[in-house]
Amino acid sequence: MTTISALPTAPARSDPPATFVTRADALLAALAGLVTQTNALAGELNAMSGAVTAGTVISQAYTFDSTTSDADPGTGKFRLNNATQDAATKIWIDNLNVGTTDVSAIWSTIAASTSANKGQLKLQKTADATKWIIFNVTATLDKTGYYEITIAKLTSSAASPFTNSDGITVTFTRTGDVGTFSGTLSDANLAGIKVASFTGEVNNTGTSGPQTLNWAAGALQKQVEALSNISYTMTAPPGPCHLLLRVISDGTSPAVTHTFSPVPKWYGAAYAGVSNKGAIISMIYDGSGYHAMAANEI
């Protein structure tokens, strides 16, 4: 793991003028190295956590290799596929950063995004913040030992702001999604979720009589306006979960009954339809039965 080098002795007001100047110059000269080491350490910590979620910003310290051919650029290096740097469409970047930490997990996680634009990649000369290029990232490919990242220029400080062997801070900002998941999370926690979205509401179109309410089709469902009493036979979801049924009314619906089999355990009054009113019916399925509450539209 990268360590932060101790800074030179800082100048003091009591120093003789010559000593003050010498110490000030040494301290200022050491700041560029401090930036490089700090960025490398941050990259290592990010790589170990694997946290490349929406909005995440990850910086890595690399060295620019001006070669434009497709190959592993070597430890701590990256190269572009065009001598006119902001016209590049590919970046080849070694799995190891300047600190020799393997950060390939970052590029692998980025590749899992299903968004057209995975995020933004900023290349900035570490010792000169006025020299930079910003690209959109549209794809990544594991090429064994290094990654190929497909890019498209957004903006730059110049057409070719870097020279060979420049120290470059490579910063990725996630703007796309974090990919898709299929499978089972067994006794696992999901942390940091801001919004959990559904693919849509399951639409129950039967307007009267016996109907099937298939919770295996989705936990968020709606019932179109009923014309007369409805009796649901409920198909259980795969396991314990929270379920919602939205009963729709256009303001002219009759006060029909909605009955359920299996019969839920109601908390408060059992649901009863009200003329010209919609409702929200909330259920908890505990793996064997249903626990429900309902509220009619005001």
C-alpha atoms as a PDB file:
ATOM      1  CA  MET A   1       0.000   0.000   0.000  1.00  0.00           C
ATOM      2  CA  THR A   2       1.208   3.510  -0.837  1.00  0.00           C
ATOM      3  CA  THR A   3       2.609   5.459   2.089  1.00  0.00           C
ATOM      4  CA  ILE A   4       2.633   9.238   2.361  1.00  0.00           C
ATOM      5  CA  SER A   5       6.200  10.547   2.609  1.00  0.00           C
ATOM      6  CA  ALA A   6       7.001  12.985   5.394  1.00  0.00           C
ATOM      7  CA  LEU A   7       7.147  16.581   4.205  1.00  0.00           C
ATOM      8  CA  PRO A   8      10.338  18.614   4.601  1.00  0.00           C
ATOM      9  CA  THR A   9      10.652  20.930   7.586  1.00  0.00           C
ATOM     10  CA  ALA A  10       8.343  23.916   7.147  1.00  0.00           C
ATOM     11  CA  PRO A  11       9.843  27.414   7.246  1.00  0.00           C
ATOM     12  CA  ALA A  12       9.332  29.425  10.432  1.00  0.00           C
ATOM     13  CA  ARG A  13       9.150  33.178  10.994  1.00  0.00           C
ATOM     14  CA  SER A  14      12.200  32.910  13.251  1.00  0.00           C
ATOM     15  CA  ASP A  15      14.371  31.365  10.496  1.00  0.00           C
ATOM     16  CA  PRO A  16      17.150  33.462   8.992  1.00  0.00           C
ATOM     17  CA  PRO A  17      16.138  34.659   5.483  1.00  0.00           C
ATOM     18  CA  ALA A  18      18.320  32.152   3.646  1.00  0.00           C
ATOM     19  CA  THR A  19      17.048  29.226   5.758  1.00  0.00           C
ATOM     20  CA  PHE A  20      13.443  30.371   5.328  1.00  0.00           C
ATOM     21  CA  VAL A  21      13.793  30.464   1.523  1.00  0.00           C
ATOM     22  CA  THR A  22      15.514  27.068   1.379  1.00  0.00           C
ATOM     23  CA  ARG A  23      12.890  25.393   3.542  1.00  0.00           C
ATOM     24  CA  ALA A  24      10.001  27.061   1.668  1.00  0.00           C
ATOM     25  CA  ASP A  25      11.374  25.905  -1.696  1.00  0.00           C
ATOM     26  CA  ALA A  26      11.800  22.338  -0.431  1.00  0.00           C
ATOM     27  CA  LEU A  27       8.273  22.232   0.993  1.00  0.00           C
ATOM     28  CA  LEU A  28       6.687  23.544  -2.203  1.00  0.00           C
ATOM     29  CA  ALA A  29       8.686  21.090  -4.327  1.00  0.00           C
ATOM     30  CA  ALA A  30       7.432  18.196  -2.206  1.00  0.00           C
ATOM     31  CA  LEU A  31       3.726  19.043  -2.716  1.00  0.00           C
ATOM     32  CA  ALA A  32       3.551  17.497  -6.213  1.00  0.00           C
ATOM     33  CA  GLY A  33       4.766  14.184  -4.788  1.00  0.00           C
ATOM     34  CA  LEU A  34       2.246  14.445  -1.966  1.00  0.00           C
ATOM     35  CA  VAL A  35      -0.562  14.840  -4.527  1.00  0.00           C
ATOM     36  CA  THR A  36       0.633  11.784  -6.456  1.00  0.00           C
ATOM     37  CA  GLN A  37       0.909   9.641  -3.329  1.00  0.00           C
ATOM     38  CA  THR A  38      -2.473  10.778  -2.025  1.00  0.00           C
ATOM     39  CA  ASN A  39      -4.172   9.979  -5.341  1.00  0.00           C
ATOM     40  CA  ALA A  40      -2.478   6.588  -5.448  1.00  0.00           C
ATOM     41  CA  LEU A  41      -3.587   5.784  -1.897  1.00  0.00           C
ATOM     42  CA  ALA A  42      -7.158   6.882  -2.639  1.00  0.00           C
ATOM     43  CA  GLY A  43      -7.171   4.661  -5.707  1.00  0.00           C
ATOM     44  CA  GLU A  44      -5.959   1.695  -3.708  1.00  0.00           C
ATOM     45  CA  LEU A  45      -8.666   2.190  -1.080  1.00  0.00           C
ATOM     46  CA  ASN A  46     -11.340   2.534  -3.770  1.00  0.00           C
ATOM     47  CA  ALA A  47     -10.068  -0.543  -5.535  1.00  0.00           C
ATOM     48  CA  MET A  48     -10.187  -2.577  -2.335  1.00  0.00           C
ATOM     49  CA  SER A  49     -13.758  -1.465  -1.600  1.00  0.00           C
ATOM     50  CA  GLY A  50     -14.892  -2.030  -5.197  1.00  0.00           C
ATOM     51  CA  ALA A  51     -17.228   0.964  -4.789  1.00  0.00           C
ATOM     52  CA  VAL A  52     -17.976   2.209  -8.291  1.00  0.00           C
ATOM     53  CA  THR A  53     -21.606   3.219  -7.853  1.00  0.00           C
ATOM     54  CA  ALA A  54     -23.502   6.075  -9.444  1.00  0.00           C
ATOM     55  CA  GLY A  55     -21.792   9.374  -8.662  1.00  0.00           C
ATOM     56  CA  THR A  56     -18.595   7.727  -7.433  1.00  0.00           C
ATOM     57  CA  VAL A  57     -15.360   9.551  -8.318  1.00  0.00           C
ATOM     58  CA  ILE A  58     -12.189   7.443  -8.477  1.00  0.00           C
ATOM     59  CA  SER A  59      -8.693   8.830  -9.166  1.00  0.00           C
ATOM     60  CA  GLN A  60      -5.598   6.826 -10.079  1.00  0.00           C
ATOM     61  CA  ALA A  61      -1.992   7.881 -10.656  1.00  0.00           C
ATOM     62  CA  TYR A  62      -0.568   6.754 -14.028  1.00  0.00           C
ATOM     63  CA  THR A  63       2.178   7.674 -16.484  1.00  0.00           C
ATOM     64  CA  PHE A  64       1.405   8.590 -20.097  1.00  0.00           C
ATOM     65  CA  ASP A  65       2.996   6.418 -22.802  1.00  0.00           C
ATOM     66  CA  SER A  66       2.831   8.185 -26.172  1.00  0.00           C
ATOM     67  CA  THR A  67       2.885   4.894 -28.115  1.00  0.00           C
ATOM     68  CA  THR A  68      -0.392   4.465 -30.042  1.00  0.00           C
ATOM     69  CA  SER A  69      -0.468   0.685 -30.633  1.00  0.00           C
ATOM     70  CA  ASP A  70      -2.744  -1.797 -28.866  1.00  0.00           C
ATOM     71  CA  ALA A  71      -0.655  -3.564 -26.226  1.00  0.00           C
ATOM     72  CA  ASP A  72      -0.172  -3.679 -22.487  1.00  0.00           C
ATOM     73  CA  PRO A  73       1.560  -0.340 -21.836  1.00  0.00           C
ATOM     74  CA  GLY A  74       3.338  -1.696 -18.752  1.00  0.00           C
ATOM     75  CA  THR A  75       3.024  -1.186 -15.020  1.00  0.00           C
ATOM     76  CA  GLY A  76       1.563   2.182 -14.074  1.00  0.00           C
ATOM     77  CA  LYS A  77       1.125   3.328 -17.671  1.00  0.00           C
ATOM     78  CA  PHE A  78      -1.617   4.055 -20.198  1.00  0.00           C
ATOM     79  CA  ARG A  79      -1.645   4.953 -23.877  1.00  0.00           C
ATOM     80  CA  LEU A  80      -4.116   6.386 -26.402  1.00  0.00           C
ATOM     81  CA  ASN A  81      -4.785   5.123 -29.922  1.00  0.00           C
ATOM     82  CA  ASN A  82      -4.230   8.467 -31.630  1.00  0.00           C
ATOM     83  CA  ALA A  83      -1.227  10.810 -31.665  1.00  0.00           C
ATOM     84  CA  THR A  84      -3.767  13.638 -31.610  1.00  0.00           C
ATOM     85  CA  GLN A  85      -4.730  12.848 -28.073  1.00  0.00           C
ATOM     86  CA  ASP A  86      -8.220  14.345 -27.886  1.00  0.00           C
ATOM     87  CA  ALA A  87      -9.165  12.466 -31.074  1.00  0.00           C
ATOM     88  CA  ALA A  88      -8.482   9.113 -29.414  1.00  0.00           C
ATOM     89  CA  THR A  89     -11.272   6.535 -29.315  1.00  0.00           C
ATOM     90  CA  LYS A  90      -9.445   3.952 -27.182  1.00  0.00           C
ATOM     91  CA  ILE A  91      -7.314   4.074 -24.063  1.00  0.00           C
ATOM     92  CA  TRP A  92      -5.218   1.068 -23.047  1.00  0.00           C
ATOM     93  CA  ILE A  93      -4.477   1.136 -19.331  1.00  0.00           C
ATOM     94  CA  ASP A  94      -2.477  -1.316 -17.248  1.00  0.00           C
ATOM     95  CA  ASN A  95      -4.193  -3.153 -14.406  1.00  0.00           C
ATOM     96  CA  LEU A  96      -1.532  -1.778 -12.044  1.00  0.00           C
ATOM     97  CA  ASN A  97      -1.331   1.923 -11.232  1.00  0.00           C
ATOM     98  CA  VAL A  98       1.865   3.837 -10.436  1.00  0.00           C
ATOM     99  CA  GLY A  99       1.774   2.436  -6.910  1.00  0.00           C
ATOM    100  CA  THR A 100       1.642  -1.113  -8.435  1.00  0.00           C
ATOM    101  CA  THR A 101      -1.812  -1.680  -6.944  1.00  0.00           C
ATOM    102  CA  ASP A 102      -4.092  -3.840  -9.072  1.00  0.00           C
ATOM    103  CA  VAL A 103      -7.146  -1.661  -9.787  1.00  0.00           C
ATOM    104  CA  SER A 104      -8.646  -3.887 -12.501  1.00  0.00           C
ATOM    105  CA  ALA A 105     -11.724  -4.366 -10.276  1.00  0.00           C
ATOM    106  CA  ILE A 106     -12.596  -0.743 -11.020  1.00  0.00           C
ATOM    107  CA  TRP A 107     -12.615  -1.245 -14.783  1.00  0.00           C
ATOM    108  CA  SER A 108     -14.430  -4.559 -14.385  1.00  0.00           C
ATOM    109  CA  THR A 109     -17.220  -2.926 -12.349  1.00  0.00           C
ATOM    110  CA  ILE A 110     -17.538  -0.103 -14.884  1.00  0.00           C
ATOM    111  CA  ALA A 111     -18.026  -2.701 -17.615  1.00  0.00           C
ATOM    112  CA  ALA A 112     -21.098  -4.041 -15.774  1.00  0.00           C
ATOM    113  CA  SER A 113     -23.057  -0.840 -16.437  1.00  0.00           C
ATOM    114  CA  THR A 114     -25.823  -1.177 -19.019  1.00  0.00           C
ATOM    115  CA  SER A 115     -25.914   2.579 -19.724  1.00  0.00           C
ATOM    116  CA  ALA A 116     -24.705   3.844 -23.094  1.00  0.00           C
ATOM    117  CA  ASN A 117     -22.357   6.215 -21.272  1.00  0.00           C
ATOM    118  CA  LYS A 118     -20.746   4.478 -18.304  1.00  0.00           C
ATOM    119  CA  GLY A 119     -19.273   7.714 -16.997  1.00  0.00           C
ATOM    120  CA  GLN A 120     -16.602  10.323 -17.658  1.00  0.00           C
ATOM    121  CA  LEU A 121     -12.851   9.837 -17.730  1.00  0.00           C
ATOM    122  CA  LYS A 122     -10.637  12.847 -17.059  1.00  0.00           C
ATOM    123  CA  LEU A 123      -6.927  12.741 -17.850  1.00  0.00           C
ATOM    124  CA  GLN A 124      -5.069  15.586 -16.152  1.00  0.00           C
ATOM    125  CA  LYS A 125      -1.357  16.252 -15.939  1.00  0.00           C
ATOM    126  CA  THR A 126      -0.583  15.837 -12.257  1.00  0.00           C
ATOM    127  CA  ALA A 127       1.965  18.664 -12.139  1.00  0.00           C
ATOM    128  CA  ASP A 128      -0.063  21.073 -14.312  1.00  0.00           C
ATOM    129  CA  ALA A 129      -3.839  21.263 -13.799  1.00  0.00           C
ATOM    130  CA  THR A 130      -4.224  23.390 -16.958  1.00  0.00           C
ATOM    131  CA  LYS A 131      -3.547  20.345 -19.173  1.00  0.00           C
ATOM    132  CA  TRP A 132      -6.405  17.868 -19.423  1.00  0.00           C
ATOM    133  CA  ILE A 133      -8.839  15.911 -21.620  1.00  0.00           C
ATOM    134  CA  ILE A 134     -12.312  14.661 -20.651  1.00  0.00           C
ATOM    135  CA  PHE A 135     -13.869  11.666 -22.416  1.00  0.00           C
ATOM    136  CA  ASN A 136     -17.153   9.793 -22.162  1.00  0.00           C
ATOM    137  CA  VAL A 137     -16.661   6.079 -21.474  1.00  0.00           C
ATOM    138  CA  THR A 138     -18.869   3.798 -23.570  1.00  0.00           C
ATOM    139  CA  ALA A 139     -17.277   0.357 -23.097  1.00  0.00           C
ATOM    140  CA  THR A 140     -14.456  -1.521 -21.391  1.00  0.00           C
ATOM    141  CA  LEU A 141     -12.765  -4.773 -22.349  1.00  0.00           C
ATOM    142  CA  ASP A 142     -10.477  -6.973 -20.252  1.00  0.00           C
ATOM    143  CA  LYS A 143      -7.420  -7.780 -22.370  1.00  0.00           C
ATOM    144  CA  THR A 144      -5.460  -9.710 -19.711  1.00  0.00           C
ATOM    145  CA  GLY A 145      -3.105  -7.506 -17.752  1.00  0.00           C
ATOM    146  CA  TYR A 146      -4.635  -4.322 -19.119  1.00  0.00           C
ATOM    147  CA  TYR A 147      -8.003  -2.892 -20.110  1.00  0.00           C
ATOM    148  CA  GLU A 148      -9.193  -1.346 -23.346  1.00  0.00           C
ATOM    149  CA  ILE A 149     -11.587   1.519 -22.644  1.00  0.00           C
ATOM    150  CA  THR A 150     -13.692   2.909 -25.483  1.00  0.00           C
ATOM    151  CA  ILE A 151     -13.931   6.691 -25.234  1.00  0.00           C
ATOM    152  CA  ALA A 152     -15.384   9.743 -26.980  1.00  0.00           C
ATOM    153  CA  LYS A 153     -14.039  13.238 -26.397  1.00  0.00           C
ATOM    154  CA  LEU A 154     -16.149  15.742 -24.495  1.00  0.00           C
ATOM    155  CA  THR A 155     -13.686  18.623 -24.150  1.00  0.00           C
ATOM    156  CA  SER A 156      -9.971  19.294 -23.702  1.00  0.00           C
ATOM    157  CA  SER A 157      -7.477  22.031 -22.855  1.00  0.00           C
ATOM    158  CA  ALA A 158      -5.611  21.343 -26.113  1.00  0.00           C
ATOM    159  CA  ALA A 159      -5.558  18.777 -28.906  1.00  0.00           C
ATOM    160  CA  SER A 160      -2.510  17.030 -27.401  1.00  0.00           C
ATOM    161  CA  PRO A 161      -1.763  18.412 -23.925  1.00  0.00           C
ATOM    162  CA  PHE A 162       0.551  15.590 -22.747  1.00  0.00           C
ATOM    163  CA  THR A 163       4.119  14.553 -23.504  1.00  0.00           C
ATOM    164  CA  ASN A 164       5.622  11.102 -23.116  1.00  0.00           C
ATOM    165  CA  SER A 165       6.235  10.044 -19.488  1.00  0.00           C
ATOM    166  CA  ASP A 166       4.045  12.791 -18.016  1.00  0.00           C
ATOM    167  CA  GLY A 167       2.511  11.874 -14.685  1.00  0.00           C
ATOM    168  CA  ILE A 168      -1.262  11.810 -15.215  1.00  0.00           C
ATOM    169  CA  THR A 169      -4.133  11.661 -12.743  1.00  0.00           C
ATOM    170  CA  VAL A 170      -6.786   9.409 -14.301  1.00  0.00           C
ATOM    171  CA  THR A 171     -10.190  10.218 -12.769  1.00  0.00           C
ATOM    172  CA  PHE A 172     -13.365   8.254 -13.490  1.00  0.00           C
ATOM    173  CA  THR A 173     -16.775   9.623 -12.493  1.00  0.00           C
ATOM    174  CA  ARG A 174     -19.683   7.209 -12.685  1.00  0.00           C
ATOM    175  CA  THR A 175     -22.687   8.712 -14.449  1.00  0.00           C
ATOM    176  CA  GLY A 176     -24.330   5.513 -15.712  1.00  0.00           C
ATOM    177  CA  ASP A 177     -26.102   2.778 -13.800  1.00  0.00           C
ATOM    178  CA  VAL A 178     -24.233   0.087 -11.927  1.00  0.00           C
ATOM    179  CA  GLY A 179     -25.338  -2.785 -14.104  1.00  0.00           C
ATOM    180  CA  THR A 180     -27.934  -5.471 -13.669  1.00  0.00           C
ATOM    181  CA  PHE A 181     -28.197  -8.374 -11.276  1.00  0.00           C
ATOM    182  CA  SER A 182     -29.803 -11.745 -11.632  1.00  0.00           C
ATOM    183  CA  GLY A 183     -29.748 -14.413  -9.003  1.00  0.00           C
ATOM    184  CA  THR A 184     -30.424 -14.706  -5.294  1.00  0.00           C
ATOM    185  CA  LEU A 185     -29.048 -12.597  -2.461  1.00  0.00           C
ATOM    186  CA  SER A 186     -29.115 -14.896   0.544  1.00  0.00           C
ATOM    187  CA  ASP A 187     -29.151 -13.069   3.887  1.00  0.00           C
ATOM    188  CA  ALA A 188     -27.328 -10.155   2.260  1.00  0.00           C
ATOM    189  CA  ASN A 189     -27.641  -6.459   3.034  1.00  0.00           C
ATOM    190  CA  LEU A 190     -28.128  -3.842   0.328  1.00  0.00           C
ATOM    191  CA  ALA A 191     -26.627  -0.539   1.428  1.00  0.00           C
ATOM    192  CA  GLY A 192     -26.687   2.925  -0.107  1.00  0.00           C
ATOM    193  CA  ILE A 193     -29.835   2.516  -2.208  1.00  0.00           C
ATOM    194  CA  LYS A 194     -31.528   5.843  -2.904  1.00  0.00           C
ATOM    195  CA  VAL A 195     -34.401   4.648  -5.093  1.00  0.00           C
ATOM    196  CA  ALA A 196     -35.488   1.108  -5.917  1.00  0.00           C
ATOM    197  CA  SER A 197     -37.472   1.240  -9.144  1.00  0.00           C
ATOM    198  CA  PHE A 198     -39.784  -1.341 -10.689  1.00  0.00           C
ATOM    199  CA  THR A 199     -39.959  -2.299 -14.341  1.00  0.00           C
ATOM    200  CA  GLY A 200     -43.631  -1.256 -14.168  1.00  0.00           C
ATOM    201  CA  GLU A 201     -46.946  -2.005 -12.473  1.00  0.00           C
ATOM    202  CA  VAL A 202     -48.542  -5.336 -13.275  1.00  0.00           C
ATOM    203  CA  ASN A 203     -51.926  -4.449 -14.775  1.00  0.00           C
ATOM    204  CA  ASN A 204     -54.927  -6.517 -13.664  1.00  0.00           C
ATOM    205  CA  THR A 205     -57.606  -5.910 -16.320  1.00  0.00           C
ATOM    206  CA  GLY A 206     -60.459  -8.134 -15.153  1.00  0.00           C
ATOM    207  CA  THR A 207     -63.389  -5.970 -14.066  1.00  0.00           C
ATOM    208  CA  SER A 208     -65.604  -8.443 -12.192  1.00  0.00           C
ATOM    209  CA  GLY A 209     -65.970 -11.957 -10.842  1.00  0.00           C
ATOM    210  CA  PRO A 210     -63.163 -14.422 -10.084  1.00  0.00           C
ATOM    211  CA  GLN A 211     -59.683 -13.088 -10.902  1.00  0.00           C
ATOM    212  CA  THR A 212     -56.102 -14.196 -10.295  1.00  0.00           C
ATOM    213  CA  LEU A 213     -53.803 -11.835  -8.422  1.00  0.00           C
ATOM    214  CA  ASN A 214     -50.393 -13.236  -9.314  1.00  0.00           C
ATOM    215  CA  TRP A 215     -47.842 -11.769  -6.903  1.00  0.00           C
ATOM    216  CA  ALA A 216     -45.109 -13.835  -8.541  1.00  0.00           C
ATOM    217  CA  ALA A 217     -45.456 -11.506 -11.546  1.00  0.00           C
ATOM    218  CA  GLY A 218     -44.465  -8.428  -9.547  1.00  0.00           C
ATOM    219  CA  ALA A 219     -44.722  -6.784  -6.135  1.00  0.00           C
ATOM    220  CA  LEU A 220     -46.288  -3.588  -7.535  1.00  0.00           C
ATOM    221  CA  GLN A 221     -49.695  -4.070  -9.166  1.00  0.00           C
ATOM    222  CA  LYS A 222     -52.817  -2.145 -10.104  1.00  0.00           C
ATOM    223  CA  GLN A 223     -56.459  -3.073 -10.548  1.00  0.00           C
ATOM    224  CA  VAL A 224     -58.424  -1.309 -13.268  1.00  0.00           C
ATOM    225  CA  GLU A 225     -61.773   0.145 -12.291  1.00  0.00           C
ATOM    226  CA  ALA A 226     -64.142  -2.668 -11.361  1.00  0.00           C
ATOM    227  CA  LEU A 227     -67.709  -2.878 -12.700  1.00  0.00           C
ATOM    228  CA  SER A 228     -68.906  -5.293 -10.008  1.00  0.00           C
ATOM    229  CA  ASN A 229     -67.566  -7.423  -7.155  1.00  0.00           C
ATOM    230  CA  ILE A 230     -64.150  -9.085  -7.627  1.00  0.00           C
ATOM    231  CA  SER A 231     -62.851 -12.189  -5.872  1.00  0.00           C
ATOM    232  CA  TYR A 232     -59.083 -12.665  -6.096  1.00  0.00           C
ATOM    233  CA  THR A 233     -57.237 -15.944  -5.849  1.00  0.00           C
ATOM    234  CA  MET A 234     -53.712 -14.886  -4.926  1.00  0.00           C
ATOM    235  CA  THR A 235     -50.611 -16.590  -6.295  1.00  0.00           C
ATOM    236  CA  ALA A 236     -47.849 -16.311  -3.710  1.00  0.00           C
ATOM    237  CA  PRO A 237     -44.600 -14.460  -4.447  1.00  0.00           C
ATOM    238  CA  PRO A 238     -41.298 -16.399  -4.305  1.00  0.00           C
ATOM    239  CA  GLY A 239     -40.694 -15.499  -0.658  1.00  0.00           C
ATOM    240  CA  PRO A 240     -41.354 -12.991   2.130  1.00  0.00           C
ATOM    241  CA  CYS A 241     -41.802  -9.495   0.723  1.00  0.00           C
ATOM    242  CA  HIS A 242     -43.813  -6.268   0.670  1.00  0.00           C
ATOM    243  CA  LEU A 243     -46.679  -6.077  -1.852  1.00  0.00           C
ATOM    244  CA  LEU A 244     -48.793  -3.160  -3.090  1.00  0.00           C
ATOM    245  CA  LEU A 245     -52.076  -3.163  -5.003  1.00  0.00           C
ATOM    246  CA  ARG A 246     -53.382   0.135  -6.358  1.00  0.00           C
ATOM    247  CA  VAL A 247     -57.150   0.162  -6.991  1.00  0.00           C
ATOM    248  CA  ILE A 248     -58.024   2.670  -9.702  1.00  0.00           C
ATOM    249  CA  SER A 249     -61.145   4.841  -9.896  1.00  0.00           C
ATOM    250  CA  ASP A 250     -61.988   7.502 -12.467  1.00  0.00           C
ATOM    251  CA  GLY A 251     -64.397   9.139 -10.020  1.00  0.00           C
ATOM    252  CA  THR A 252     -67.503   7.235 -11.142  1.00  0.00           C
ATOM    253  CA  SER A 253     -66.793   3.734  -9.806  1.00  0.00           C
ATOM    254  CA  PRO A 254     -69.360   1.796  -7.765  1.00  0.00           C
ATOM    255  CA  ALA A 255     -68.684   0.606  -4.223  1.00  0.00           C
ATOM    256  CA  VAL A 256     -67.776  -2.949  -5.186  1.00  0.00           C
ATOM    257  CA  THR A 257     -66.210  -5.526  -2.874  1.00  0.00           C
ATOM    258  CA  HIS A 258     -62.739  -7.013  -3.340  1.00  0.00           C
ATOM    259  CA  THR A 259     -62.256 -10.315  -1.534  1.00  0.00           C
ATOM    260  CA  PHE A 260     -59.012 -12.276  -1.300  1.00  0.00           C
ATOM    261  CA  SER A 261     -58.094 -15.950  -1.024  1.00  0.00           C
ATOM    262  CA  PRO A 262     -56.112 -16.808   1.030  1.00  0.00           C
ATOM    263  CA  VAL A 263     -57.791 -14.335   3.381  1.00  0.00           C
ATOM    264  CA  PRO A 264     -55.262 -11.789   4.707  1.00  0.00           C
ATOM    265  CA  LYS A 265     -54.979 -10.853   8.356  1.00  0.00           C
ATOM    266  CA  TRP A 266     -56.207  -7.268   8.358  1.00  0.00           C
ATOM    267  CA  TYR A 267     -54.708  -4.603  10.593  1.00  0.00           C
ATOM    268  CA  GLY A 268     -57.484  -2.117  11.229  1.00  0.00           C
ATOM    269  CA  ALA A 269     -60.638  -2.552   9.205  1.00  0.00           C
ATOM    270  CA  ALA A 270     -60.725  -4.991   6.310  1.00  0.00           C
ATOM    271  CA  TYR A 271     -60.701  -3.249   2.941  1.00  0.00           C
ATOM    272  CA  ALA A 272     -64.118  -2.069   1.756  1.00  0.00           C
ATOM    273  CA  GLY A 273     -64.579  -0.232  -1.514  1.00  0.00           C
ATOM    274  CA  VAL A 274     -66.000   3.280  -1.514  1.00  0.00           C
ATOM    275  CA  SER A 275     -68.023   4.767  -4.376  1.00  0.00           C
ATOM    276  CA  ASN A 276     -65.931   6.920  -6.721  1.00  0.00           C
ATOM    277  CA  LYS A 277     -62.720   6.308  -4.758  1.00  0.00           C
ATOM    278  CA  GLY A 278     -59.486   4.489  -5.482  1.00  0.00           C
ATOM    279  CA  ALA A 279     -57.423   2.791  -2.803  1.00  0.00           C
ATOM    280  CA  ILE A 280     -53.984   1.503  -1.854  1.00  0.00           C
ATOM    281  CA  ILE A 281     -53.807  -1.997  -0.383  1.00  0.00           C
ATOM    282  CA  SER A 282     -50.509  -2.885   1.277  1.00  0.00           C
ATOM    283  CA  MET A 283     -49.609  -6.465   2.165  1.00  0.00           C
ATOM    284  CA  ILE A 284     -46.722  -8.233   3.823  1.00  0.00           C
ATOM    285  CA  TYR A 285     -46.262 -11.836   2.746  1.00  0.00           C
ATOM    286  CA  ASP A 286     -44.416 -13.749   5.470  1.00  0.00           C
ATOM    287  CA  GLY A 287     -43.761 -16.888   3.447  1.00  0.00           C
ATOM    288  CA  SER A 288     -47.033 -18.581   4.278  1.00  0.00           C
ATOM    289  CA  GLY A 289     -49.737 -15.920   4.722  1.00  0.00           C
ATOM    290  CA  TYR A 290     -50.639 -12.283   4.145  1.00  0.00           C
ATOM    291  CA  HIS A 291     -50.897  -9.317   6.536  1.00  0.00           C
ATOM    292  CA  ALA A 292     -52.731  -6.315   5.062  1.00  0.00           C
ATOM    293  CA  MET A 293     -53.726  -2.698   5.536  1.00  0.00           C
ATOM    294  CA  ALA A 294     -55.741  -0.507   3.194  1.00  0.00           C
ATOM    295  CA  ALA A 295     -56.595   3.172   2.744  1.00  0.00           C
ATOM    296  CA  ASN A 296     -59.253   4.627   0.476  1.00  0.00           C
ATOM    297  CA  GLU A 297     -58.615   7.759  -1.556  1.00  0.00           C
ATOM    298  CA  ILE A 298     -59.599  10.950   0.293  1.00  0.00           C
END
